[in-house]
Amino acid sequence: MTQSHAPPLPSPKERRRLREAKSLSQADVADKMGVTRETVRSWETGRTTPRGSKREAYVELLTAQDPATTSAETEDRTGVEAEAEAEVTARQEPYTEAEPESNVEAEAEAEADSDEEPAPPPPALTPPQAFDALYAFCTPALVRQTYLLTGRRELARESVERAFQLAWHRWPEVAVDRDPAGWVRATAYEYALSPWHRLRPRHRHPEAPPADAADRALLDVFLKLPPMYRRTLLLYDGVGLDLPETAAETEASTPAAANRLLHAREAVAERLPELAAPDELHRRLTVLAATERLRAAKPRSVRYGSEHRARTWTRAAIAFTVLLIGATSLTLRTAPDHYEPPMAPGATIRGVPPRAASGPLSDEQLELHAFLKSQTVSGPERLVPEAR
């Protein structure tokens, strides 16, 4: 029985170039191949290679177009993006942020390709166990990255803890996310770069800089970059994301992310010429982050803090609602139930004739007056008028 010749597999660097030439992200390739994004990342870094039918499908996906057409499309890209991608070389996975593919996963894929019975799936984790696993995996690298982003140790720890508290509060949403680590990373970066921190009293006092002079110079240059340039440079040259993923996480277009990346590299190279090479910049950022002894709270404390915070806000909302209902009831009780027009102010009236004063009595009035006076002398009887 003859076996078909396996198609040639491009080199790891060429795999990434072919994928980006087709404007595909690692998540798009993972969806088409039916694998995880971490598996595609391990293929592009050369740690693992696809086997069997997945190898043929992966090669066909990368080389579906003519190489000459692919080269022409690469030359037609914008000059900014092409220049940014040309500067990126094969580099190590930073800060242990990348999620390496385990041997168990690779063996499971090999068994699936060979049409053998797959191994039974591992037992499902409870929500606290899954959260603790994600926290233990992401926290060490994420705290160091946030320190590079802010230059403040306490703020870095607080940002990561607040991000995981929010993740636990929204765990049903985060648990089904395609990249939970990216969700938490984006939340921590947003909190760390919030401009409201400058109003806090402790923000007015600078923290102790790194002990090494070279590290101090690099951190000083890095912190003088605009926040979005700093974040883009950290994601691309620090975390190791590609341009589409960096643009998506920073909520920008790919050309805009490439522009920010180039300007950030130029600013760093202008102050520190020895860091003009991306590989050297990546290495120095890794060393600078690794020299700081940054510790975070235990995952159980983070989960308890999230639940306590949720209870506090819930009680505050209930108390505010009760107060609002009471104020409304009191207003309805004491408010008038009909319209009362206001009393108009007095006004001066002109043109009314003056009241005439009493003058002398006539003869008839004098006679009547005398008669009435004579009748009342004999007693207090009531006078009854008589007709005359």
Protein backbone atom coordinates (compact mmCIF):
# COMPACT_ATOMS: atom_id res chain seq x y z
CA MET A 1 0.00 0.00 0.00
CA THR A 2 1.55 3.25 -1.11
CA GLN A 3 1.40 6.39 0.98
CA SER A 4 0.84 9.79 -0.54
CA HIS A 5 3.73 12.20 -0.28
CA ALA A 6 3.12 14.81 2.45
CA PRO A 7 3.08 18.39 1.14
CA PRO A 8 6.08 20.53 2.12
CA LEU A 9 5.41 22.62 5.21
CA PRO A 10 6.75 26.22 5.19
CA SER A 11 9.12 27.36 7.89
CA PRO A 12 7.60 28.89 11.05
CA LYS A 13 8.49 32.41 9.97
CA GLU A 14 7.04 31.80 6.51
CA ARG A 15 3.82 30.41 8.04
CA ARG A 16 3.21 33.66 9.85
CA ARG A 17 4.08 35.73 6.78
CA LEU A 18 1.67 33.74 4.60
CA ARG A 19 -1.10 34.08 7.17
CA GLU A 20 -0.66 37.83 7.48
CA ALA A 21 -0.46 38.16 3.70
CA LYS A 22 -4.00 36.77 3.56
CA SER A 23 -5.13 39.22 6.28
CA LEU A 24 -5.98 36.34 8.60
CA SER A 25 -5.56 36.36 12.35
CA GLN A 26 -4.56 33.35 14.41
CA ALA A 27 -8.17 33.03 15.54
CA ASP A 28 -9.36 32.89 11.90
CA VAL A 29 -6.90 30.11 11.09
CA ALA A 30 -7.93 28.26 14.26
CA ASP A 31 -11.59 28.39 13.23
CA LYS A 32 -10.84 27.09 9.75
CA MET A 33 -8.60 24.30 11.08
CA GLY A 34 -10.82 23.34 14.01
CA VAL A 35 -8.07 23.86 16.61
CA THR A 36 -7.37 26.43 19.30
CA ARG A 37 -5.58 29.74 18.79
CA GLU A 38 -2.74 28.54 21.04
CA THR A 39 -2.20 25.60 18.69
CA VAL A 40 -1.83 27.93 15.70
CA ARG A 41 0.57 30.09 17.70
CA SER A 42 2.71 27.06 18.53
CA TRP A 43 2.78 26.11 14.82
CA GLU A 44 4.03 29.58 13.90
CA THR A 45 6.71 29.61 16.58
CA GLY A 46 8.00 26.18 15.55
CA ARG A 47 7.39 24.43 18.86
CA THR A 48 4.98 21.95 17.26
CA THR A 49 3.98 20.99 13.73
CA PRO A 50 0.63 19.77 12.38
CA ARG A 51 0.33 16.12 11.42
CA GLY A 52 -1.76 14.02 9.13
CA SER A 53 -4.84 15.61 7.61
CA LYS A 54 -4.36 18.80 9.59
CA ARG A 55 -0.94 19.25 8.01
CA GLU A 56 -2.38 18.97 4.51
CA ALA A 57 -5.26 21.33 5.32
CA TYR A 58 -2.87 23.83 6.94
CA VAL A 59 -0.52 23.84 3.93
CA GLU A 60 -3.45 24.19 1.55
CA LEU A 61 -4.80 27.12 3.57
CA LEU A 62 -1.46 28.94 3.55
CA THR A 63 -0.59 28.28 -0.10
CA ALA A 64 -4.06 28.54 -1.64
CA GLN A 65 -2.95 31.50 -3.76
CA ASP A 66 -0.05 31.77 -6.16
CA PRO A 67 3.19 32.79 -4.42
CA ALA A 68 3.69 35.55 -6.99
CA THR A 69 0.23 36.90 -6.19
CA THR A 70 0.97 36.71 -2.49
CA SER A 71 4.20 38.66 -3.00
CA ALA A 72 2.36 41.27 -5.04
CA GLU A 73 -0.26 41.64 -2.31
CA THR A 74 2.47 42.02 0.27
CA GLU A 75 4.10 44.81 -1.76
CA ASP A 76 0.71 46.54 -2.16
CA ARG A 77 0.25 46.96 1.58
CA THR A 78 0.58 50.33 3.12
CA GLY A 79 4.16 51.41 3.66
CA VAL A 80 3.68 51.82 7.38
CA GLU A 81 2.36 48.30 7.99
CA ALA A 82 4.92 46.66 5.70
CA GLU A 83 7.77 48.47 7.42
CA ALA A 84 6.49 47.49 10.86
CA GLU A 85 6.11 43.84 9.90
CA ALA A 86 9.55 43.73 8.24
CA GLU A 87 11.18 44.81 11.49
CA VAL A 88 9.66 41.94 13.45
CA THR A 89 11.84 38.83 13.59
CA ALA A 90 11.42 35.44 15.24
CA ARG A 91 11.56 36.05 18.97
CA GLN A 92 10.94 34.16 22.17
CA GLU A 93 7.56 34.08 23.89
CA PRO A 94 7.53 37.04 26.35
CA TYR A 95 7.00 36.87 30.10
CA THR A 96 5.40 33.44 29.90
CA GLU A 97 2.31 35.26 28.63
CA ALA A 98 1.87 32.87 25.69
CA GLU A 99 -0.04 29.75 26.50
CA PRO A 100 2.14 26.83 25.37
CA GLU A 101 0.49 23.78 23.97
CA SER A 102 0.79 20.89 26.38
CA ASN A 103 2.05 17.45 25.40
CA VAL A 104 -1.35 15.99 26.23
CA GLU A 105 -3.03 18.27 23.68
CA ALA A 106 -0.45 17.40 20.99
CA GLU A 107 -0.87 13.68 21.63
CA ALA A 108 -4.66 14.06 21.51
CA GLU A 109 -4.44 15.73 18.09
CA ALA A 110 -2.05 13.05 16.81
CA GLU A 111 -4.43 10.34 17.94
CA ALA A 112 -7.36 12.09 16.27
CA ASP A 113 -5.41 12.30 12.99
CA SER A 114 -4.55 8.61 13.09
CA ASP A 115 -8.27 7.68 13.46
CA GLU A 116 -7.66 6.08 16.82
CA GLU A 117 -10.06 6.35 19.73
CA PRO A 118 -9.44 9.72 21.44
CA ALA A 119 -8.55 9.88 25.08
CA PRO A 120 -11.39 10.68 27.48
CA PRO A 121 -11.73 14.40 28.19
CA PRO A 122 -10.41 15.66 31.52
CA PRO A 123 -12.94 16.28 34.26
CA ALA A 124 -14.60 19.67 34.10
CA LEU A 125 -13.37 22.27 36.55
CA THR A 126 -15.67 24.12 38.87
CA PRO A 127 -15.89 27.91 38.37
CA PRO A 128 -13.60 28.68 41.35
CA GLN A 129 -11.04 26.13 40.15
CA ALA A 130 -11.09 27.50 36.60
CA PHE A 131 -10.75 31.05 37.90
CA ASP A 132 -7.86 30.11 40.18
CA ALA A 133 -6.09 28.38 37.28
CA LEU A 134 -6.47 31.44 35.05
CA TYR A 135 -5.33 33.72 37.85
CA ALA A 136 -2.24 31.63 38.62
CA PHE A 137 -1.31 31.48 34.94
CA CYS A 138 -1.76 35.15 34.01
CA THR A 139 -1.00 37.13 37.16
CA PRO A 140 2.84 36.98 37.31
CA ALA A 141 3.29 38.19 33.74
CA LEU A 142 0.37 40.61 33.84
CA VAL A 143 1.61 42.40 36.96
CA ARG A 144 5.02 42.93 35.35
CA GLN A 145 3.45 44.22 32.14
CA THR A 146 1.23 46.64 34.05
CA TYR A 147 4.28 47.88 35.95
CA LEU A 148 5.98 48.69 32.64
CA LEU A 149 2.81 50.47 31.56
CA THR A 150 2.53 52.68 34.66
CA GLY A 151 5.89 52.62 36.46
CA ARG A 152 4.07 52.11 39.78
CA ARG A 153 4.18 48.85 41.66
CA GLU A 154 1.11 49.38 43.84
CA LEU A 155 -0.98 50.54 40.90
CA ALA A 156 0.13 47.51 38.88
CA ARG A 157 -1.00 45.10 41.60
CA GLU A 158 -4.24 47.00 42.12
CA SER A 159 -5.00 47.04 38.39
CA VAL A 160 -4.52 43.29 38.03
CA GLU A 161 -6.58 42.51 41.13
CA ARG A 162 -9.38 44.84 40.00
CA ALA A 163 -9.37 43.24 36.55
CA PHE A 164 -9.69 39.74 38.03
CA GLN A 165 -12.39 40.92 40.44
CA LEU A 166 -14.38 42.15 37.46
CA ALA A 167 -13.64 38.86 35.66
CA TRP A 168 -15.03 36.86 38.58
CA HIS A 169 -18.07 39.14 38.74
CA ARG A 170 -18.67 38.41 35.03
CA TRP A 171 -17.34 34.87 35.05
CA PRO A 172 -20.13 33.35 32.93
CA GLU A 173 -19.12 35.79 30.19
CA VAL A 174 -15.36 35.44 30.67
CA ALA A 175 -15.43 31.64 30.94
CA VAL A 176 -16.81 31.25 27.42
CA ASP A 177 -14.60 33.95 25.90
CA ARG A 178 -12.20 32.75 23.22
CA ASP A 179 -9.27 34.45 24.98
CA PRO A 180 -9.93 34.89 28.74
CA ALA A 181 -6.33 36.01 29.31
CA GLY A 182 -6.74 38.73 26.69
CA TRP A 183 -10.02 39.85 28.31
CA VAL A 184 -8.34 40.25 31.69
CA ARG A 185 -5.27 41.90 30.14
CA ALA A 186 -7.36 44.51 28.32
CA THR A 187 -9.32 45.27 31.51
CA ALA A 188 -6.14 45.65 33.57
CA TYR A 189 -4.57 47.96 30.98
CA GLU A 190 -7.69 50.13 30.84
CA TYR A 191 -7.76 50.50 34.63
CA ALA A 192 -4.03 51.17 34.87
CA LEU A 193 -4.11 53.91 32.20
CA SER A 194 -7.18 55.67 33.64
CA PRO A 195 -6.48 59.43 33.93
CA TRP A 196 -8.39 59.60 37.23
CA HIS A 197 -5.46 58.05 39.09
CA ARG A 198 -3.60 61.36 38.97
CA LEU A 199 -6.19 62.79 41.41
CA ARG A 200 -5.34 60.25 44.09
CA PRO A 201 -3.13 61.55 46.92
CA ARG A 202 -0.58 58.74 46.71
CA HIS A 203 -0.16 59.31 42.98
CA ARG A 204 1.52 62.63 43.77
CA HIS A 205 4.45 60.87 45.42
CA PRO A 206 6.76 59.06 42.96
CA GLU A 207 7.88 55.53 43.73
CA ALA A 208 11.47 54.37 43.95
CA PRO A 209 12.96 53.82 40.45
CA PRO A 210 14.80 50.61 39.46
CA ALA A 211 18.27 50.15 40.93
CA ASP A 212 20.09 49.70 37.62
CA ALA A 213 20.86 52.88 35.65
CA ALA A 214 20.07 51.28 32.29
CA ASP A 215 16.70 50.08 33.58
CA ARG A 216 15.93 53.54 34.93
CA ALA A 217 16.72 55.12 31.57
CA LEU A 218 14.54 52.61 29.68
CA LEU A 219 11.61 53.00 32.08
CA ASP A 220 11.89 56.79 31.92
CA VAL A 221 11.79 56.77 28.10
CA PHE A 222 8.98 54.24 28.05
CA LEU A 223 6.80 56.23 30.46
CA LYS A 224 7.25 59.44 28.46
CA LEU A 225 5.47 57.88 25.49
CA PRO A 226 1.76 58.65 25.04
CA PRO A 227 -0.41 56.03 26.76
CA MET A 228 -1.72 54.47 23.53
CA TYR A 229 1.79 54.33 21.98
CA ARG A 230 3.07 52.74 25.18
CA ARG A 231 0.29 50.16 25.16
CA THR A 232 0.78 49.31 21.48
CA LEU A 233 4.53 48.88 21.90
CA LEU A 234 4.06 46.69 24.95
CA LEU A 235 1.49 44.45 23.25
CA TYR A 236 3.51 44.01 20.04
CA ASP A 237 7.11 43.92 21.26
CA GLY A 238 6.40 42.75 24.81
CA VAL A 239 3.47 40.35 24.77
CA GLY A 240 4.11 39.22 21.18
CA LEU A 241 0.73 39.86 19.56
CA ASP A 242 0.57 40.45 15.81
CA LEU A 243 -0.66 43.69 14.27
CA PRO A 244 -4.34 42.70 13.80
CA GLU A 245 -4.60 41.44 17.38
CA THR A 246 -2.81 44.53 18.73
CA ALA A 247 -5.13 46.78 16.75
CA ALA A 248 -8.20 44.90 17.98
CA GLU A 249 -7.15 45.10 21.64
CA THR A 250 -6.36 48.82 21.40
CA GLU A 251 -9.58 49.45 19.43
CA ALA A 252 -7.76 50.89 16.43
CA SER A 253 -7.30 50.01 12.79
CA THR A 254 -4.28 48.00 11.69
CA PRO A 255 -2.59 50.96 9.90
CA ALA A 256 -3.15 53.13 12.99
CA ALA A 257 -1.59 50.48 15.23
CA ALA A 258 1.37 50.21 12.84
CA ASN A 259 1.83 54.00 12.93
CA ARG A 260 1.81 54.03 16.72
CA LEU A 261 4.29 51.17 16.82
CA LEU A 262 6.72 52.88 14.45
CA HIS A 263 6.54 56.23 16.24
CA ALA A 264 7.04 54.54 19.62
CA ARG A 265 10.10 52.65 18.35
CA GLU A 266 11.53 55.85 16.85
CA ALA A 267 11.07 57.69 20.16
CA VAL A 268 12.82 54.91 22.09
CA ALA A 269 15.64 54.63 19.54
CA GLU A 270 16.18 58.41 19.60
CA ARG A 271 16.87 58.38 23.34
CA LEU A 272 18.44 54.91 23.49
CA PRO A 273 20.08 54.06 20.14
CA GLU A 274 21.18 50.63 21.37
CA LEU A 275 17.49 49.59 21.50
CA ALA A 276 16.77 50.33 17.84
CA ALA A 277 16.54 46.59 17.07
CA PRO A 278 13.15 45.09 18.07
CA ASP A 279 14.77 41.95 19.48
CA GLU A 280 17.00 43.97 21.79
CA LEU A 281 14.08 46.13 22.88
CA HIS A 282 12.04 43.00 23.63
CA ARG A 283 14.91 41.52 25.65
CA ARG A 284 15.43 44.69 27.67
CA LEU A 285 11.73 45.01 28.44
CA THR A 286 11.69 41.41 29.64
CA VAL A 287 14.74 41.97 31.86
CA LEU A 288 13.31 45.20 33.26
CA ALA A 289 10.02 43.55 34.17
CA ALA A 290 11.72 40.47 35.64
CA THR A 291 13.95 42.46 38.01
CA GLU A 292 10.99 43.81 39.98
CA ARG A 293 9.70 41.67 42.83
CA LEU A 294 5.99 42.07 42.26
CA ARG A 295 3.54 39.92 44.16
CA ALA A 296 -0.21 39.73 43.91
CA ALA A 297 -2.90 38.58 46.29
CA LYS A 298 -4.13 35.01 46.50
CA PRO A 299 -6.92 34.04 44.09
CA ARG A 300 -9.24 33.27 46.97
CA SER A 301 -8.78 36.80 48.33
CA VAL A 302 -9.52 38.24 44.90
CA ARG A 303 -12.72 36.21 44.60
CA TYR A 304 -13.80 37.24 48.12
CA GLY A 305 -13.02 40.89 47.32
CA SER A 306 -15.14 40.71 44.18
CA GLU A 307 -18.08 39.18 46.04
CA HIS A 308 -17.74 41.68 48.91
CA ARG A 309 -17.63 44.56 46.46
CA ALA A 310 -20.74 43.25 44.67
CA ARG A 311 -22.62 42.91 47.98
CA THR A 312 -21.64 46.43 49.04
CA TRP A 313 -22.83 47.98 45.80
CA THR A 314 -26.04 45.95 45.91
CA ARG A 315 -26.84 47.13 49.44
CA ALA A 316 -26.03 50.71 48.49
CA ALA A 317 -28.36 50.48 45.51
CA ILE A 318 -31.14 49.03 47.68
CA ALA A 319 -30.67 51.76 50.32
CA PHE A 320 -30.75 54.48 47.68
CA THR A 321 -33.90 52.99 46.16
CA VAL A 322 -35.65 52.87 49.56
CA LEU A 323 -34.64 56.48 50.26
CA LEU A 324 -35.97 57.57 46.88
CA ILE A 325 -39.28 55.75 47.46
CA GLY A 326 -39.64 57.33 50.92
CA ALA A 327 -38.97 60.82 49.61
CA THR A 328 -41.50 60.30 46.82
CA SER A 329 -44.15 59.05 49.26
CA LEU A 330 -43.60 62.01 51.60
CA THR A 331 -43.92 64.41 48.69
CA LEU A 332 -47.17 62.84 47.54
CA ARG A 333 -48.52 62.94 51.10
CA THR A 334 -47.82 66.60 51.77
CA ALA A 335 -48.34 68.08 48.33
CA PRO A 336 -51.66 69.98 47.65
CA ASP A 337 -54.29 68.03 45.75
CA HIS A 338 -55.96 71.00 44.02
CA TYR A 339 -54.96 74.23 42.46
CA GLU A 340 -54.94 77.33 44.67
CA PRO A 341 -54.57 80.52 42.68
CA PRO A 342 -52.29 83.06 44.29
CA MET A 343 -53.83 86.20 45.87
CA ALA A 344 -53.35 89.18 43.65
CA PRO A 345 -51.69 92.22 45.26
CA GLY A 346 -53.84 95.31 45.95
CA ALA A 347 -54.08 98.04 43.37
CA THR A 348 -55.03 101.71 43.61
CA ILE A 349 -58.44 102.52 42.03
CA ARG A 350 -58.98 105.97 40.57
CA GLY A 351 -62.16 107.77 39.42
CA VAL A 352 -64.47 106.74 42.35
CA PRO A 353 -66.45 109.79 43.73
CA PRO A 354 -65.69 110.64 47.35
CA ARG A 355 -68.24 109.76 50.06
CA ALA A 356 -70.53 112.71 50.89
CA ALA A 357 -70.54 113.97 54.46
CA SER A 358 -73.78 114.24 56.45
CA GLY A 359 -75.41 117.68 56.28
CA PRO A 360 -78.18 119.43 58.28
CA LEU A 361 -81.51 117.56 58.76
CA SER A 362 -84.61 118.62 56.92
CA ASP A 363 -87.92 119.49 58.62
CA GLU A 364 -89.36 116.05 58.05
CA GLN A 365 -86.21 114.37 59.40
CA LEU A 366 -86.32 116.62 62.47
CA GLU A 367 -89.99 115.76 63.08
CA LEU A 368 -89.26 112.02 62.71
CA HIS A 369 -86.28 112.29 64.99
CA ALA A 370 -88.36 113.97 67.69
CA PHE A 371 -91.13 111.42 67.38
CA LEU A 372 -88.75 108.48 67.68
CA LYS A 373 -87.02 110.06 70.62
CA SER A 374 -90.31 110.54 72.42
CA GLN A 375 -91.33 106.96 71.90
CA THR A 376 -88.19 105.48 73.47
CA VAL A 377 -88.45 107.46 76.71
CA SER A 378 -91.13 105.24 78.31
CA GLY A 379 -89.23 101.97 78.00
CA PRO A 380 -87.01 99.68 75.95
CA GLU A 381 -89.87 98.26 73.90
CA ARG A 382 -89.02 97.51 70.32
CA LEU A 383 -90.18 100.11 67.91
CA VAL A 384 -92.58 98.94 65.24
CA PRO A 385 -92.81 101.34 62.31
CA GLU A 386 -96.34 102.49 61.54
CA ALA A 387 -97.62 103.71 58.30
CA ARG A 388 -98.63 107.32 58.14
